[in-house]
Structure formats: C-alpha cells, structure tokens
Amino acid sequence: SPQTYLGQASAEEIITWSLNTFLHG
C-alpha cells in the first residue's frame, strides 16, 4: 500500500506519512 502511493512521493510527503503511520515507535 505505501509503495503504491509513495513510490514517487517527495521527501516531505514520506516524512508526513511516517509520522501519521507510526505515531509511537
């Protein structure tokens, strides 16, 4: 799922996804 929509994402988009997905840890 992440690879589908983050494969060409910007660094900022990947960082935002990371924070939203892994709020803890």
mmCIF file of all heavy atoms, coordinates in Angstrom:
data_MODEL
# 
_entry.id   MODEL 
# 
loop_
_atom_site.group_PDB 
_atom_site.id 
_atom_site.type_symbol 
_atom_site.label_atom_id 
_atom_site.label_alt_id 
_atom_site.label_comp_id 
_atom_site.label_asym_id 
_atom_site.label_entity_id 
_atom_site.label_seq_id 
_atom_site.pdbx_PDB_ins_code 
_atom_site.Cartn_x 
_atom_site.Cartn_y 
_atom_site.Cartn_z 
_atom_site.occupancy 
_atom_site.B_iso_or_equiv 
_atom_site.pdbx_formal_charge 
_atom_site.auth_seq_id 
_atom_site.auth_comp_id 
_atom_site.auth_asym_id 
_atom_site.auth_atom_id 
_atom_site.pdbx_PDB_model_num 
ATOM 1   N N   . SER A 1 1  ? 0.807  -1.206 0.000  1.00 0.00 ? 1  SER A N   1 
ATOM 2   C CA  . SER A 1 1  ? 0.000  0.000  0.000  1.00 0.00 ? 1  SER A CA  1 
ATOM 3   C C   . SER A 1 1  ? 0.848  1.267  0.000  1.00 0.00 ? 1  SER A C   1 
ATOM 4   O O   . SER A 1 1  ? 0.662  2.122  -0.862 1.00 0.00 ? 1  SER A O   1 
ATOM 5   C CB  . SER A 1 1  ? -0.975 -0.006 1.189  1.00 0.00 ? 1  SER A CB  1 
ATOM 6   O OG  . SER A 1 1  ? -1.750 1.159  1.194  1.00 0.00 ? 1  SER A OG  1 
ATOM 7   N N   . PRO A 1 2  ? 1.800  1.441  0.927  1.00 0.00 ? 2  PRO A N   1 
ATOM 8   C CA  . PRO A 1 2  ? 2.639  2.632  0.886  1.00 0.00 ? 2  PRO A CA  1 
ATOM 9   C C   . PRO A 1 2  ? 3.422  2.764  -0.413 1.00 0.00 ? 2  PRO A C   1 
ATOM 10  O O   . PRO A 1 2  ? 3.553  3.860  -0.947 1.00 0.00 ? 2  PRO A O   1 
ATOM 11  C CB  . PRO A 1 2  ? 3.574  2.451  2.084  1.00 0.00 ? 2  PRO A CB  1 
ATOM 12  C CG  . PRO A 1 2  ? 2.835  1.564  3.000  1.00 0.00 ? 2  PRO A CG  1 
ATOM 13  C CD  . PRO A 1 2  ? 2.056  0.640  2.115  1.00 0.00 ? 2  PRO A CD  1 
ATOM 14  N N   . GLN A 1 3  ? 3.936  1.645  -0.920 1.00 0.00 ? 3  GLN A N   1 
ATOM 15  C CA  . GLN A 1 3  ? 4.710  1.722  -2.154 1.00 0.00 ? 3  GLN A CA  1 
ATOM 16  C C   . GLN A 1 3  ? 3.857  2.210  -3.316 1.00 0.00 ? 3  GLN A C   1 
ATOM 17  O O   . GLN A 1 3  ? 4.347  2.879  -4.219 1.00 0.00 ? 3  GLN A O   1 
ATOM 18  C CB  . GLN A 1 3  ? 5.323  0.356  -2.484 1.00 0.00 ? 3  GLN A CB  1 
ATOM 19  C CG  . GLN A 1 3  ? 6.498  -0.026 -1.603 1.00 0.00 ? 3  GLN A CG  1 
ATOM 20  C CD  . GLN A 1 3  ? 7.711  0.852  -1.840 1.00 0.00 ? 3  GLN A CD  1 
ATOM 21  O OE1 . GLN A 1 3  ? 7.724  1.676  -2.743 1.00 0.00 ? 3  GLN A OE1 1 
ATOM 22  N NE2 . GLN A 1 3  ? 8.717  0.700  -1.029 1.00 0.00 ? 3  GLN A NE2 1 
ATOM 23  N N   . THR A 1 4  ? 2.584  1.897  -3.271 1.00 0.00 ? 4  THR A N   1 
ATOM 24  C CA  . THR A 1 4  ? 1.694  2.283  -4.364 1.00 0.00 ? 4  THR A CA  1 
ATOM 25  C C   . THR A 1 4  ? 1.602  3.789  -4.501 1.00 0.00 ? 4  THR A C   1 
ATOM 26  O O   . THR A 1 4  ? 1.695  4.337  -5.599 1.00 0.00 ? 4  THR A O   1 
ATOM 27  C CB  . THR A 1 4  ? 0.289  1.690  -4.151 1.00 0.00 ? 4  THR A CB  1 
ATOM 28  O OG1 . THR A 1 4  ? 0.388  0.270  -4.134 1.00 0.00 ? 4  THR A OG1 1 
ATOM 29  C CG2 . THR A 1 4  ? -0.653 2.118  -5.265 1.00 0.00 ? 4  THR A CG2 1 
ATOM 30  N N   . TYR A 1 5  ? 1.446  4.470  -3.359 1.00 0.00 ? 5  TYR A N   1 
ATOM 31  C CA  . TYR A 1 5  ? 1.249  5.916  -3.461 1.00 0.00 ? 5  TYR A CA  1 
ATOM 32  C C   . TYR A 1 5  ? 2.423  6.744  -2.962 1.00 0.00 ? 5  TYR A C   1 
ATOM 33  O O   . TYR A 1 5  ? 2.395  7.966  -3.033 1.00 0.00 ? 5  TYR A O   1 
ATOM 34  C CB  . TYR A 1 5  ? -0.034 6.334  -2.722 1.00 0.00 ? 5  TYR A CB  1 
ATOM 35  C CG  . TYR A 1 5  ? -0.066 6.052  -1.244 1.00 0.00 ? 5  TYR A CG  1 
ATOM 36  C CD1 . TYR A 1 5  ? 0.437  6.978  -0.334 1.00 0.00 ? 5  TYR A CD1 1 
ATOM 37  C CD2 . TYR A 1 5  ? -0.626 4.881  -0.750 1.00 0.00 ? 5  TYR A CD2 1 
ATOM 38  C CE1 . TYR A 1 5  ? 0.394  6.718  1.033  1.00 0.00 ? 5  TYR A CE1 1 
ATOM 39  C CE2 . TYR A 1 5  ? -0.667 4.624  0.600  1.00 0.00 ? 5  TYR A CE2 1 
ATOM 40  C CZ  . TYR A 1 5  ? -0.166 5.536  1.490  1.00 0.00 ? 5  TYR A CZ  1 
ATOM 41  O OH  . TYR A 1 5  ? -0.204 5.296  2.838  1.00 0.00 ? 5  TYR A OH  1 
ATOM 42  N N   . LEU A 1 6  ? 3.473  6.100  -2.462 1.00 0.00 ? 6  LEU A N   1 
ATOM 43  C CA  . LEU A 1 6  ? 4.637  6.843  -2.005 1.00 0.00 ? 6  LEU A CA  1 
ATOM 44  C C   . LEU A 1 6  ? 5.875  6.562  -2.843 1.00 0.00 ? 6  LEU A C   1 
ATOM 45  O O   . LEU A 1 6  ? 6.933  7.107  -2.572 1.00 0.00 ? 6  LEU A O   1 
ATOM 46  C CB  . LEU A 1 6  ? 4.932  6.528  -0.543 1.00 0.00 ? 6  LEU A CB  1 
ATOM 47  C CG  . LEU A 1 6  ? 3.934  7.078  0.489  1.00 0.00 ? 6  LEU A CG  1 
ATOM 48  C CD1 . LEU A 1 6  ? 4.303  6.592  1.883  1.00 0.00 ? 6  LEU A CD1 1 
ATOM 49  C CD2 . LEU A 1 6  ? 3.874  8.590  0.457  1.00 0.00 ? 6  LEU A CD2 1 
ATOM 50  N N   . GLY A 1 7  ? 5.731  5.716  -3.851 1.00 0.00 ? 7  GLY A N   1 
ATOM 51  C CA  . GLY A 1 7  ? 6.878  5.369  -4.680 1.00 0.00 ? 7  GLY A CA  1 
ATOM 52  C C   . GLY A 1 7  ? 7.544  6.572  -5.308 1.00 0.00 ? 7  GLY A C   1 
ATOM 53  O O   . GLY A 1 7  ? 8.771  6.622  -5.442 1.00 0.00 ? 7  GLY A O   1 
ATOM 54  N N   . GLN A 1 8  ? 6.753  7.570  -5.701 1.00 0.00 ? 8  GLN A N   1 
ATOM 55  C CA  . GLN A 1 8  ? 7.287  8.782  -6.315 1.00 0.00 ? 8  GLN A CA  1 
ATOM 56  C C   . GLN A 1 8  ? 7.028  10.004 -5.441 1.00 0.00 ? 8  GLN A C   1 
ATOM 57  O O   . GLN A 1 8  ? 7.070  11.137 -5.927 1.00 0.00 ? 8  GLN A O   1 
ATOM 58  C CB  . GLN A 1 8  ? 6.644  8.979  -7.698 1.00 0.00 ? 8  GLN A CB  1 
ATOM 59  C CG  . GLN A 1 8  ? 6.877  7.838  -8.671 1.00 0.00 ? 8  GLN A CG  1 
ATOM 60  C CD  . GLN A 1 8  ? 8.355  7.585  -8.923 1.00 0.00 ? 8  GLN A CD  1 
ATOM 61  O OE1 . GLN A 1 8  ? 9.137  8.531  -9.062 1.00 0.00 ? 8  GLN A OE1 1 
ATOM 62  N NE2 . GLN A 1 8  ? 8.750  6.321  -8.981 1.00 0.00 ? 8  GLN A NE2 1 
ATOM 63  N N   . ALA A 1 9  ? 6.735  9.773  -4.172 1.00 0.00 ? 9  ALA A N   1 
ATOM 64  C CA  . ALA A 1 9  ? 6.407  10.878 -3.268 1.00 0.00 ? 9  ALA A CA  1 
ATOM 65  C C   . ALA A 1 9  ? 7.645  11.702 -2.935 1.00 0.00 ? 9  ALA A C   1 
ATOM 66  O O   . ALA A 1 9  ? 8.783  11.224 -3.027 1.00 0.00 ? 9  ALA A O   1 
ATOM 67  C CB  . ALA A 1 9  ? 5.784  10.330 -1.987 1.00 0.00 ? 9  ALA A CB  1 
ATOM 68  N N   . SER A 1 10 ? 7.414  12.942 -2.544 1.00 0.00 ? 10 SER A N   1 
ATOM 69  C CA  . SER A 1 10 ? 8.517  13.803 -2.115 1.00 0.00 ? 10 SER A CA  1 
ATOM 70  C C   . SER A 1 10 ? 8.996  13.378 -0.732 1.00 0.00 ? 10 SER A C   1 
ATOM 71  O O   . SER A 1 10 ? 8.311  12.640 -0.012 1.00 0.00 ? 10 SER A O   1 
ATOM 72  C CB  . SER A 1 10 ? 8.049  15.260 -2.059 1.00 0.00 ? 10 SER A CB  1 
ATOM 73  O OG  . SER A 1 10 ? 7.098  15.430 -1.010 1.00 0.00 ? 10 SER A OG  1 
ATOM 74  N N   . ALA A 1 11 ? 10.162 13.863 -0.355 1.00 0.00 ? 11 ALA A N   1 
ATOM 75  C CA  . ALA A 1 11 ? 10.692 13.556 0.972  1.00 0.00 ? 11 ALA A CA  1 
ATOM 76  C C   . ALA A 1 11 ? 9.725  14.024 2.052  1.00 0.00 ? 11 ALA A C   1 
ATOM 77  O O   . ALA A 1 11 ? 9.490  13.320 3.045  1.00 0.00 ? 11 ALA A O   1 
ATOM 78  C CB  . ALA A 1 11 ? 12.059 14.216 1.150  1.00 0.00 ? 11 ALA A CB  1 
ATOM 79  N N   . GLU A 1 12 ? 9.152  15.204 1.867  1.00 0.00 ? 12 GLU A N   1 
ATOM 80  C CA  . GLU A 1 12 ? 8.221  15.744 2.854  1.00 0.00 ? 12 GLU A CA  1 
ATOM 81  C C   . GLU A 1 12 ? 6.976  14.875 2.981  1.00 0.00 ? 12 GLU A C   1 
ATOM 82  O O   . GLU A 1 12 ? 6.469  14.659 4.093  1.00 0.00 ? 12 GLU A O   1 
ATOM 83  C CB  . GLU A 1 12 ? 7.823  17.173 2.471  1.00 0.00 ? 12 GLU A CB  1 
ATOM 84  C CG  . GLU A 1 12 ? 8.933  18.197 2.584  1.00 0.00 ? 12 GLU A CG  1 
ATOM 85  C CD  . GLU A 1 12 ? 9.877  18.223 1.394  1.00 0.00 ? 12 GLU A CD  1 
ATOM 86  O OE1 . GLU A 1 12 ? 9.663  17.427 0.447  1.00 0.00 ? 12 GLU A OE1 1 
ATOM 87  O OE2 . GLU A 1 12 ? 10.813 19.026 1.396  1.00 0.00 ? 12 GLU A OE2 1 
ATOM 88  N N   . GLU A 1 13 ? 6.482  14.370 1.877  1.00 0.00 ? 13 GLU A N   1 
ATOM 89  C CA  . GLU A 1 13 ? 5.303  13.502 1.919  1.00 0.00 ? 13 GLU A CA  1 
ATOM 90  C C   . GLU A 1 13 ? 5.603  12.184 2.629  1.00 0.00 ? 13 GLU A C   1 
ATOM 91  O O   . GLU A 1 13 ? 4.770  11.673 3.380  1.00 0.00 ? 13 GLU A O   1 
ATOM 92  C CB  . GLU A 1 13 ? 4.804  13.242 0.490  1.00 0.00 ? 13 GLU A CB  1 
ATOM 93  C CG  . GLU A 1 13 ? 4.166  14.461 -0.156 1.00 0.00 ? 13 GLU A CG  1 
ATOM 94  C CD  . GLU A 1 13 ? 3.902  14.262 -1.640 1.00 0.00 ? 13 GLU A CD  1 
ATOM 95  O OE1 . GLU A 1 13 ? 4.613  13.444 -2.272 1.00 0.00 ? 13 GLU A OE1 1 
ATOM 96  O OE2 . GLU A 1 13 ? 3.000  14.931 -2.171 1.00 0.00 ? 13 GLU A OE2 1 
ATOM 97  N N   . ILE A 1 14 ? 6.782  11.644 2.397  1.00 0.00 ? 14 ILE A N   1 
ATOM 98  C CA  . ILE A 1 14 ? 7.160  10.393 3.058  1.00 0.00 ? 14 ILE A CA  1 
ATOM 99  C C   . ILE A 1 14 ? 7.317  10.615 4.563  1.00 0.00 ? 14 ILE A C   1 
ATOM 100 O O   . ILE A 1 14 ? 6.887  9.783  5.374  1.00 0.00 ? 14 ILE A O   1 
ATOM 101 C CB  . ILE A 1 14 ? 8.467  9.834  2.458  1.00 0.00 ? 14 ILE A CB  1 
ATOM 102 C CG1 . ILE A 1 14 ? 8.225  9.402  1.003  1.00 0.00 ? 14 ILE A CG1 1 
ATOM 103 C CG2 . ILE A 1 14 ? 8.989  8.664  3.277  1.00 0.00 ? 14 ILE A CG2 1 
ATOM 104 C CD1 . ILE A 1 14 ? 9.468  8.956  0.275  1.00 0.00 ? 14 ILE A CD1 1 
ATOM 105 N N   . ILE A 1 15 ? 7.892  11.733 4.942  1.00 0.00 ? 15 ILE A N   1 
ATOM 106 C CA  . ILE A 1 15 ? 8.053  12.038 6.365  1.00 0.00 ? 15 ILE A CA  1 
ATOM 107 C C   . ILE A 1 15 ? 6.690  12.202 7.030  1.00 0.00 ? 15 ILE A C   1 
ATOM 108 O O   . ILE A 1 15 ? 6.461  11.687 8.142  1.00 0.00 ? 15 ILE A O   1 
ATOM 109 C CB  . ILE A 1 15 ? 8.913  13.312 6.546  1.00 0.00 ? 15 ILE A CB  1 
ATOM 110 C CG1 . ILE A 1 15 ? 10.351 13.038 6.090  1.00 0.00 ? 15 ILE A CG1 1 
ATOM 111 C CG2 . ILE A 1 15 ? 8.893  13.772 7.998  1.00 0.00 ? 15 ILE A CG2 1 
ATOM 112 C CD1 . ILE A 1 15 ? 11.204 14.284 5.986  1.00 0.00 ? 15 ILE A CD1 1 
ATOM 113 N N   . THR A 1 16 ? 5.778  12.911 6.376  1.00 0.00 ? 16 THR A N   1 
ATOM 114 C CA  . THR A 1 16 ? 4.434  13.101 6.929  1.00 0.00 ? 16 THR A CA  1 
ATOM 115 C C   . THR A 1 16 ? 3.717  11.768 7.067  1.00 0.00 ? 16 THR A C   1 
ATOM 116 O O   . THR A 1 16 ? 3.065  11.499 8.090  1.00 0.00 ? 16 THR A O   1 
ATOM 117 C CB  . THR A 1 16 ? 3.621  14.053 6.033  1.00 0.00 ? 16 THR A CB  1 
ATOM 118 O OG1 . THR A 1 16 ? 4.279  15.322 5.985  1.00 0.00 ? 16 THR A OG1 1 
ATOM 119 C CG2 . THR A 1 16 ? 2.209  14.238 6.574  1.00 0.00 ? 16 THR A CG2 1 
ATOM 120 N N   . TRP A 1 17 ? 3.830  10.905 6.055  1.00 0.00 ? 17 TRP A N   1 
ATOM 121 C CA  . TRP A 1 17 ? 3.224  9.568  6.131  1.00 0.00 ? 17 TRP A CA  1 
ATOM 122 C C   . TRP A 1 17 ? 3.810  8.785  7.304  1.00 0.00 ? 17 TRP A C   1 
ATOM 123 O O   . TRP A 1 17 ? 3.078  8.115  8.041  1.00 0.00 ? 17 TRP A O   1 
ATOM 124 C CB  . TRP A 1 17 ? 3.468  8.809  4.831  1.00 0.00 ? 17 TRP A CB  1 
ATOM 125 C CG  . TRP A 1 17 ? 3.027  7.375  4.888  1.00 0.00 ? 17 TRP A CG  1 
ATOM 126 C CD1 . TRP A 1 17 ? 1.782  6.878  4.620  1.00 0.00 ? 17 TRP A CD1 1 
ATOM 127 C CD2 . TRP A 1 17 ? 3.835  6.242  5.263  1.00 0.00 ? 17 TRP A CD2 1 
ATOM 128 N NE1 . TRP A 1 17 ? 1.756  5.521  4.810  1.00 0.00 ? 17 TRP A NE1 1 
ATOM 129 C CE2 . TRP A 1 17 ? 2.997  5.095  5.203  1.00 0.00 ? 17 TRP A CE2 1 
ATOM 130 C CE3 . TRP A 1 17 ? 5.159  6.086  5.645  1.00 0.00 ? 17 TRP A CE3 1 
ATOM 131 C CZ2 . TRP A 1 17 ? 3.463  3.817  5.505  1.00 0.00 ? 17 TRP A CZ2 1 
ATOM 132 C CZ3 . TRP A 1 17 ? 5.616  4.815  5.950  1.00 0.00 ? 17 TRP A CZ3 1 
ATOM 133 C CH2 . TRP A 1 17 ? 4.777  3.697  5.879  1.00 0.00 ? 17 TRP A CH2 1 
ATOM 134 N N   . SER A 1 18 ? 5.103  8.898  7.506  1.00 0.00 ? 18 SER A N   1 
ATOM 135 C CA  . SER A 1 18 ? 5.770  8.174  8.590  1.00 0.00 ? 18 SER A CA  1 
ATOM 136 C C   . SER A 1 18 ? 5.221  8.588  9.941  1.00 0.00 ? 18 SER A C   1 
ATOM 137 O O   . SER A 1 18 ? 4.941  7.750  10.804 1.00 0.00 ? 18 SER A O   1 
ATOM 138 C CB  . SER A 1 18 ? 7.278  8.437  8.547  1.00 0.00 ? 18 SER A CB  1 
ATOM 139 O OG  . SER A 1 18 ? 7.829  8.075  7.303  1.00 0.00 ? 18 SER A OG  1 
ATOM 140 N N   . LEU A 1 19 ? 5.066  9.894  10.139 1.00 0.00 ? 19 LEU A N   1 
ATOM 141 C CA  . LEU A 1 19 ? 4.560  10.401 11.409 1.00 0.00 ? 19 LEU A CA  1 
ATOM 142 C C   . LEU A 1 19 ? 3.127  9.958  11.642 1.00 0.00 ? 19 LEU A C   1 
ATOM 143 O O   . LEU A 1 19 ? 2.763  9.539  12.747 1.00 0.00 ? 19 LEU A O   1 
ATOM 144 C CB  . LEU A 1 19 ? 4.653  11.924 11.434 1.00 0.00 ? 19 LEU A CB  1 
ATOM 145 C CG  . LEU A 1 19 ? 4.112  12.608 12.699 1.00 0.00 ? 19 LEU A CG  1 
ATOM 146 C CD1 . LEU A 1 19 ? 4.871  12.141 13.931 1.00 0.00 ? 19 LEU A CD1 1 
ATOM 147 C CD2 . LEU A 1 19 ? 4.206  14.128 12.552 1.00 0.00 ? 19 LEU A CD2 1 
ATOM 148 N N   . ASN A 1 20 ? 2.311  10.011 10.607 1.00 0.00 ? 20 ASN A N   1 
ATOM 149 C CA  . ASN A 1 20 ? 0.907  9.637  10.739 1.00 0.00 ? 20 ASN A CA  1 
ATOM 150 C C   . ASN A 1 20 ? 0.729  8.136  10.950 1.00 0.00 ? 20 ASN A C   1 
ATOM 151 O O   . ASN A 1 20 ? -0.208 7.694  11.619 1.00 0.00 ? 20 ASN A O   1 
ATOM 152 C CB  . ASN A 1 20 ? 0.123  10.072 9.507  1.00 0.00 ? 20 ASN A CB  1 
ATOM 153 C CG  . ASN A 1 20 ? 0.012  11.578 9.389  1.00 0.00 ? 20 ASN A CG  1 
ATOM 154 O OD1 . ASN A 1 20 ? 0.139  12.296 10.391 1.00 0.00 ? 20 ASN A OD1 1 
ATOM 155 N ND2 . ASN A 1 20 ? -0.195 12.085 8.182  1.00 0.00 ? 20 ASN A ND2 1 
ATOM 156 N N   . THR A 1 21 ? 1.626  7.352  10.374 1.00 0.00 ? 21 THR A N   1 
ATOM 157 C CA  . THR A 1 21 ? 1.506  5.897  10.450 1.00 0.00 ? 21 THR A CA  1 
ATOM 158 C C   . THR A 1 21 ? 2.108  5.339  11.733 1.00 0.00 ? 21 THR A C   1 
ATOM 159 O O   . THR A 1 21 ? 1.576  4.398  12.327 1.00 0.00 ? 21 THR A O   1 
ATOM 160 C CB  . THR A 1 21 ? 2.195  5.247  9.233  1.00 0.00 ? 21 THR A CB  1 
ATOM 161 O OG1 . THR A 1 21 ? 1.626  5.788  8.030  1.00 0.00 ? 21 THR A OG1 1 
ATOM 162 C CG2 . THR A 1 21 ? 1.997  3.730  9.240  1.00 0.00 ? 21 THR A CG2 1 
ATOM 163 N N   . PHE A 1 22 ? 3.230  5.924  12.161 1.00 0.00 ? 22 PHE A N   1 
ATOM 164 C CA  . PHE A 1 22 ? 3.946  5.416  13.335 1.00 0.00 ? 22 PHE A CA  1 
ATOM 165 C C   . PHE A 1 22 ? 4.039  6.526  14.379 1.00 0.00 ? 22 PHE A C   1 
ATOM 166 O O   . PHE A 1 22 ? 5.114  7.060  14.642 1.00 0.00 ? 22 PHE A O   1 
ATOM 167 C CB  . PHE A 1 22 ? 5.340  4.936  12.950 1.00 0.00 ? 22 PHE A CB  1 
ATOM 168 C CG  . PHE A 1 22 ? 5.342  3.853  11.902 1.00 0.00 ? 22 PHE A CG  1 
ATOM 169 C CD1 . PHE A 1 22 ? 5.591  4.153  10.578 1.00 0.00 ? 22 PHE A CD1 1 
ATOM 170 C CD2 . PHE A 1 22 ? 5.091  2.537  12.253 1.00 0.00 ? 22 PHE A CD2 1 
ATOM 171 C CE1 . PHE A 1 22 ? 5.599  3.157  9.605  1.00 0.00 ? 22 PHE A CE1 1 
ATOM 172 C CE2 . PHE A 1 22 ? 5.094  1.536  11.291 1.00 0.00 ? 22 PHE A CE2 1 
ATOM 173 C CZ  . PHE A 1 22 ? 5.340  1.848  9.964  1.00 0.00 ? 22 PHE A CZ  1 
ATOM 174 N N   . LEU A 1 23 ? 2.911  6.859  14.948 1.00 0.00 ? 23 LEU A N   1 
ATOM 175 C CA  . LEU A 1 23 ? 2.892  7.930  15.944 1.00 0.00 ? 23 LEU A CA  1 
ATOM 176 C C   . LEU A 1 23 ? 3.792  7.594  17.116 1.00 0.00 ? 23 LEU A C   1 
ATOM 177 O O   . LEU A 1 23 ? 4.465  8.457  17.684 1.00 0.00 ? 23 LEU A O   1 
ATOM 178 C CB  . LEU A 1 23 ? 1.449  8.157  16.433 1.00 0.00 ? 23 LEU A CB  1 
ATOM 179 C CG  . LEU A 1 23 ? 1.253  9.299  17.422 1.00 0.00 ? 23 LEU A CG  1 
ATOM 180 C CD1 . LEU A 1 23 ? 1.692  10.620 16.798 1.00 0.00 ? 23 LEU A CD1 1 
ATOM 181 C CD2 . LEU A 1 23 ? -0.211 9.377  17.859 1.00 0.00 ? 23 LEU A CD2 1 
ATOM 182 N N   . HIS A 1 24 ? 3.816  6.309  17.481 1.00 0.00 ? 24 HIS A N   1 
ATOM 183 C CA  . HIS A 1 24 ? 4.693  5.849  18.555 1.00 0.00 ? 24 HIS A CA  1 
ATOM 184 C C   . HIS A 1 24 ? 5.678  4.833  17.976 1.00 0.00 ? 24 HIS A C   1 
ATOM 185 O O   . HIS A 1 24 ? 5.330  4.027  17.129 1.00 0.00 ? 24 HIS A O   1 
ATOM 186 C CB  . HIS A 1 24 ? 3.882  5.212  19.678 1.00 0.00 ? 24 HIS A CB  1 
ATOM 187 C CG  . HIS A 1 24 ? 2.847  6.125  20.263 1.00 0.00 ? 24 HIS A CG  1 
ATOM 188 N ND1 . HIS A 1 24 ? 3.167  7.213  21.029 1.00 0.00 ? 24 HIS A ND1 1 
ATOM 189 C CD2 . HIS A 1 24 ? 1.494  6.110  20.175 1.00 0.00 ? 24 HIS A CD2 1 
ATOM 190 C CE1 . HIS A 1 24 ? 2.073  7.838  21.404 1.00 0.00 ? 24 HIS A CE1 1 
ATOM 191 N NE2 . HIS A 1 24 ? 1.032  7.191  20.900 1.00 0.00 ? 24 HIS A NE2 1 
ATOM 192 N N   . GLY A 1 25 ? 6.909  4.880  18.438 1.00 0.00 ? 25 GLY A N   1 
ATOM 193 C CA  . GLY A 1 25 ? 7.909  3.920  17.976 1.00 0.00 ? 25 GLY A CA  1 
ATOM 194 C C   . GLY A 1 25 ? 8.641  4.343  16.723 1.00 0.00 ? 25 GLY A C   1 
ATOM 195 O O   . GLY A 1 25 ? 9.299  3.516  16.091 1.00 0.00 ? 25 GLY A O   1 
# 
